[in-house]
Amino acid sequence: MKKQIIATSIITACMGLAFAATALAAITPPPEPQTVDDCKNDGWRNYGDMFKNQGDCVSFVVTKGKNPPDGPPIH
């Protein structure tokens, strides 16, 4: 009985950590690209809806963020 309670407690704790990690990931903004290569080969898509295309990403990197991203692509 004691082993079952401990096992249940461990499982519950792990589930709580998984939920907390998921919630944190949901509120953590994606990192910004640091190099032009980060934008190439569809790399610009790794930054959520920050950029509308590769050129938007490259422009952001080259200007060191002074040219803000245009946002999500228009479909």
N, C-alpha and C. Protein backbone atom coordinates (compact mmCIF):
# COMPACT_ATOMS: atom_id res chain seq x y z
N MET A 1 0.82 -1.19 0.00
CA MET A 1 0.00 0.00 0.00
C MET A 1 0.87 1.26 0.00
N LYS A 2 1.95 1.24 0.81
CA LYS A 2 2.84 2.38 0.91
C LYS A 2 3.52 2.66 -0.44
N LYS A 3 3.94 1.57 -1.14
CA LYS A 3 4.59 1.71 -2.44
C LYS A 3 3.63 2.30 -3.47
N GLN A 4 2.37 1.92 -3.38
CA GLN A 4 1.37 2.43 -4.32
C GLN A 4 1.15 3.93 -4.10
N ILE A 5 1.12 4.35 -2.86
CA ILE A 5 0.93 5.77 -2.55
C ILE A 5 2.13 6.58 -3.05
N ILE A 6 3.32 6.06 -2.84
CA ILE A 6 4.53 6.75 -3.30
C ILE A 6 4.54 6.83 -4.82
N ALA A 7 4.21 5.74 -5.49
CA ALA A 7 4.18 5.72 -6.95
C ALA A 7 3.14 6.71 -7.48
N THR A 8 2.00 6.76 -6.87
CA THR A 8 0.94 7.70 -7.28
C THR A 8 1.41 9.14 -7.07
N SER A 9 2.09 9.38 -5.97
CA SER A 9 2.60 10.73 -5.69
C SER A 9 3.64 11.14 -6.73
N ILE A 10 4.51 10.23 -7.10
CA ILE A 10 5.55 10.52 -8.10
C ILE A 10 4.90 10.82 -9.46
N ILE A 11 3.94 10.01 -9.84
CA ILE A 11 3.25 10.22 -11.12
C ILE A 11 2.53 11.57 -11.12
N THR A 12 1.87 11.89 -10.03
CA THR A 12 1.16 13.16 -9.92
C THR A 12 2.13 14.33 -10.01
N ALA A 13 3.27 14.22 -9.35
CA ALA A 13 4.28 15.28 -9.39
C ALA A 13 4.82 15.45 -10.81
N CYS A 14 5.07 14.35 -11.50
CA CYS A 14 5.58 14.42 -12.88
C CYS A 14 4.56 15.07 -13.80
N MET A 15 3.29 14.74 -13.61
CA MET A 15 2.24 15.34 -14.43
C MET A 15 2.17 16.84 -14.18
N GLY A 16 2.35 17.24 -12.94
CA GLY A 16 2.34 18.66 -12.59
C GLY A 16 3.50 19.40 -13.24
N LEU A 17 4.69 18.78 -13.25
CA LEU A 17 5.85 19.39 -13.90
C LEU A 17 5.64 19.50 -15.40
N ALA A 18 5.06 18.49 -16.01
CA ALA A 18 4.80 18.51 -17.45
C ALA A 18 3.82 19.63 -17.78
N PHE A 19 2.80 19.80 -16.96
CA PHE A 19 1.83 20.87 -17.18
C PHE A 19 2.50 22.22 -17.04
N ALA A 20 3.33 22.39 -16.03
CA ALA A 20 4.01 23.67 -15.80
C ALA A 20 4.95 23.99 -16.97
N ALA A 21 5.66 22.99 -17.47
CA ALA A 21 6.57 23.20 -18.60
C ALA A 21 5.78 23.59 -19.85
N THR A 22 4.65 22.97 -20.07
CA THR A 22 3.81 23.30 -21.22
C THR A 22 3.28 24.73 -21.10
N ALA A 23 2.85 25.10 -19.91
CA ALA A 23 2.33 26.45 -19.69
C ALA A 23 3.43 27.48 -19.89
N LEU A 24 4.63 27.20 -19.42
CA LEU A 24 5.75 28.12 -19.57
C LEU A 24 6.12 28.27 -21.04
N ALA A 25 6.12 27.18 -21.78
CA ALA A 25 6.44 27.24 -23.21
C ALA A 25 5.40 28.07 -23.95
N ALA A 26 4.17 28.04 -23.50
CA ALA A 26 3.11 28.79 -24.16
C ALA A 26 3.27 30.29 -23.97
N ILE A 27 3.88 30.73 -22.86
CA ILE A 27 4.03 32.16 -22.61
C ILE A 27 5.42 32.68 -22.94
N THR A 28 6.37 31.80 -23.22
CA THR A 28 7.72 32.21 -23.55
C THR A 28 7.79 32.55 -25.03
N PRO A 29 8.15 33.80 -25.36
CA PRO A 29 8.22 34.15 -26.77
C PRO A 29 9.36 33.40 -27.47
N PRO A 30 9.20 33.15 -28.76
CA PRO A 30 10.27 32.47 -29.46
C PRO A 30 11.52 33.34 -29.50
N PRO A 31 12.70 32.75 -29.59
CA PRO A 31 13.93 33.54 -29.66
C PRO A 31 13.97 34.31 -30.98
N GLU A 32 14.77 35.33 -31.01
CA GLU A 32 14.93 36.09 -32.24
C GLU A 32 16.10 35.53 -33.04
N PRO A 33 16.05 35.61 -34.36
CA PRO A 33 17.18 35.13 -35.17
C PRO A 33 18.40 36.02 -34.93
N GLN A 34 19.57 35.41 -34.91
CA GLN A 34 20.80 36.15 -34.65
C GLN A 34 21.62 36.38 -35.92
N THR A 35 21.46 35.50 -36.90
CA THR A 35 22.22 35.62 -38.15
C THR A 35 21.27 35.46 -39.33
N VAL A 36 21.73 35.90 -40.50
CA VAL A 36 20.95 35.75 -41.72
C VAL A 36 20.71 34.27 -41.99
N ASP A 37 21.68 33.43 -41.66
CA ASP A 37 21.52 31.98 -41.87
C ASP A 37 20.37 31.42 -41.05
N ASP A 38 20.05 32.04 -39.91
CA ASP A 38 18.92 31.60 -39.11
C ASP A 38 17.60 31.76 -39.87
N CYS A 39 17.59 32.65 -40.85
CA CYS A 39 16.37 32.94 -41.61
C CYS A 39 16.24 32.07 -42.86
N LYS A 40 17.36 31.54 -43.34
CA LYS A 40 17.37 30.81 -44.61
C LYS A 40 16.76 29.42 -44.49
N ASN A 41 16.41 28.86 -45.65
CA ASN A 41 15.85 27.50 -45.74
C ASN A 41 14.63 27.32 -44.83
N ASP A 42 13.73 28.28 -44.89
CA ASP A 42 12.52 28.29 -44.07
C ASP A 42 12.78 28.45 -42.58
N GLY A 43 14.01 28.83 -42.22
CA GLY A 43 14.33 29.05 -40.81
C GLY A 43 13.51 30.17 -40.20
N TRP A 44 13.06 31.12 -41.02
CA TRP A 44 12.24 32.22 -40.52
C TRP A 44 10.95 31.72 -39.92
N ARG A 45 10.54 30.53 -40.30
CA ARG A 45 9.30 29.95 -39.75
C ARG A 45 9.48 29.46 -38.30
N ASN A 46 10.72 29.35 -37.85
CA ASN A 46 11.00 28.87 -36.48
C ASN A 46 10.69 29.91 -35.41
N TYR A 47 10.26 31.10 -35.83
CA TYR A 47 10.05 32.19 -34.89
C TYR A 47 8.58 32.55 -34.75
N GLY A 48 7.75 31.53 -34.79
CA GLY A 48 6.31 31.74 -34.64
C GLY A 48 5.77 32.56 -35.80
N ASP A 49 4.91 33.49 -35.51
CA ASP A 49 4.32 34.35 -36.53
C ASP A 49 5.05 35.69 -36.61
N MET A 50 6.29 35.70 -36.17
CA MET A 50 7.04 36.95 -36.11
C MET A 50 7.29 37.56 -37.50
N PHE A 51 7.61 36.70 -38.47
CA PHE A 51 7.96 37.18 -39.80
C PHE A 51 6.98 36.71 -40.85
N LYS A 52 6.79 37.54 -41.88
CA LYS A 52 5.87 37.14 -42.95
C LYS A 52 6.57 36.34 -44.04
N ASN A 53 7.92 36.47 -44.12
CA ASN A 53 8.69 35.70 -45.10
C ASN A 53 10.18 35.79 -44.76
N GLN A 54 11.01 35.16 -45.59
CA GLN A 54 12.45 35.13 -45.33
C GLN A 54 13.05 36.53 -45.39
N GLY A 55 12.63 37.33 -46.36
CA GLY A 55 13.16 38.68 -46.50
C GLY A 55 12.87 39.55 -45.28
N ASP A 56 11.71 39.38 -44.71
CA ASP A 56 11.34 40.11 -43.50
C ASP A 56 12.29 39.74 -42.36
N CYS A 57 12.59 38.47 -42.25
CA CYS A 57 13.51 37.98 -41.22
C CYS A 57 14.92 38.52 -41.44
N VAL A 58 15.40 38.42 -42.68
CA VAL A 58 16.75 38.89 -43.01
C VAL A 58 16.87 40.39 -42.72
N SER A 59 15.87 41.16 -43.10
CA SER A 59 15.88 42.60 -42.86
C SER A 59 15.95 42.91 -41.37
N PHE A 60 15.23 42.13 -40.57
CA PHE A 60 15.26 42.30 -39.12
C PHE A 60 16.67 42.05 -38.58
N VAL A 61 17.32 40.99 -39.05
CA VAL A 61 18.66 40.63 -38.57
C VAL A 61 19.68 41.68 -39.00
N VAL A 62 19.66 42.06 -40.27
CA VAL A 62 20.64 42.99 -40.82
C VAL A 62 20.56 44.35 -40.13
N THR A 63 19.36 44.79 -39.78
CA THR A 63 19.20 46.08 -39.11
C THR A 63 19.28 45.97 -37.59
N LYS A 64 19.63 44.78 -37.11
CA LYS A 64 19.73 44.52 -35.66
C LYS A 64 18.42 44.88 -34.94
N GLY A 65 17.30 44.56 -35.60
CA GLY A 65 16.00 44.75 -34.99
C GLY A 65 15.39 46.13 -35.19
N LYS A 66 16.12 47.04 -35.84
CA LYS A 66 15.58 48.40 -36.04
C LYS A 66 14.44 48.38 -37.07
N ASN A 67 14.46 47.43 -37.98
CA ASN A 67 13.35 47.25 -38.91
C ASN A 67 12.47 46.15 -38.31
N PRO A 68 11.37 46.51 -37.67
CA PRO A 68 10.57 45.50 -36.97
C PRO A 68 9.92 44.52 -37.95
N PRO A 69 9.65 43.32 -37.47
CA PRO A 69 8.99 42.30 -38.31
C PRO A 69 7.61 42.77 -38.75
N ASP A 70 7.19 42.29 -39.92
CA ASP A 70 5.87 42.65 -40.44
C ASP A 70 4.75 41.75 -39.94
N GLY A 71 5.11 40.68 -39.27
CA GLY A 71 4.08 39.82 -38.72
C GLY A 71 3.79 38.60 -39.56
N PRO A 72 2.67 37.94 -39.28
CA PRO A 72 2.36 36.67 -39.94
C PRO A 72 2.13 36.83 -41.43
N PRO A 73 2.37 35.76 -42.18
CA PRO A 73 2.16 35.82 -43.63
C PRO A 73 0.68 35.95 -43.96
N ILE A 74 0.42 36.59 -45.07
CA ILE A 74 -0.95 36.73 -45.54
C ILE A 74 -1.23 35.57 -46.49
N HIS A 75 -2.28 34.81 -46.23
CA HIS A 75 -2.60 33.65 -47.06
C HIS A 75 -3.70 33.96 -48.01
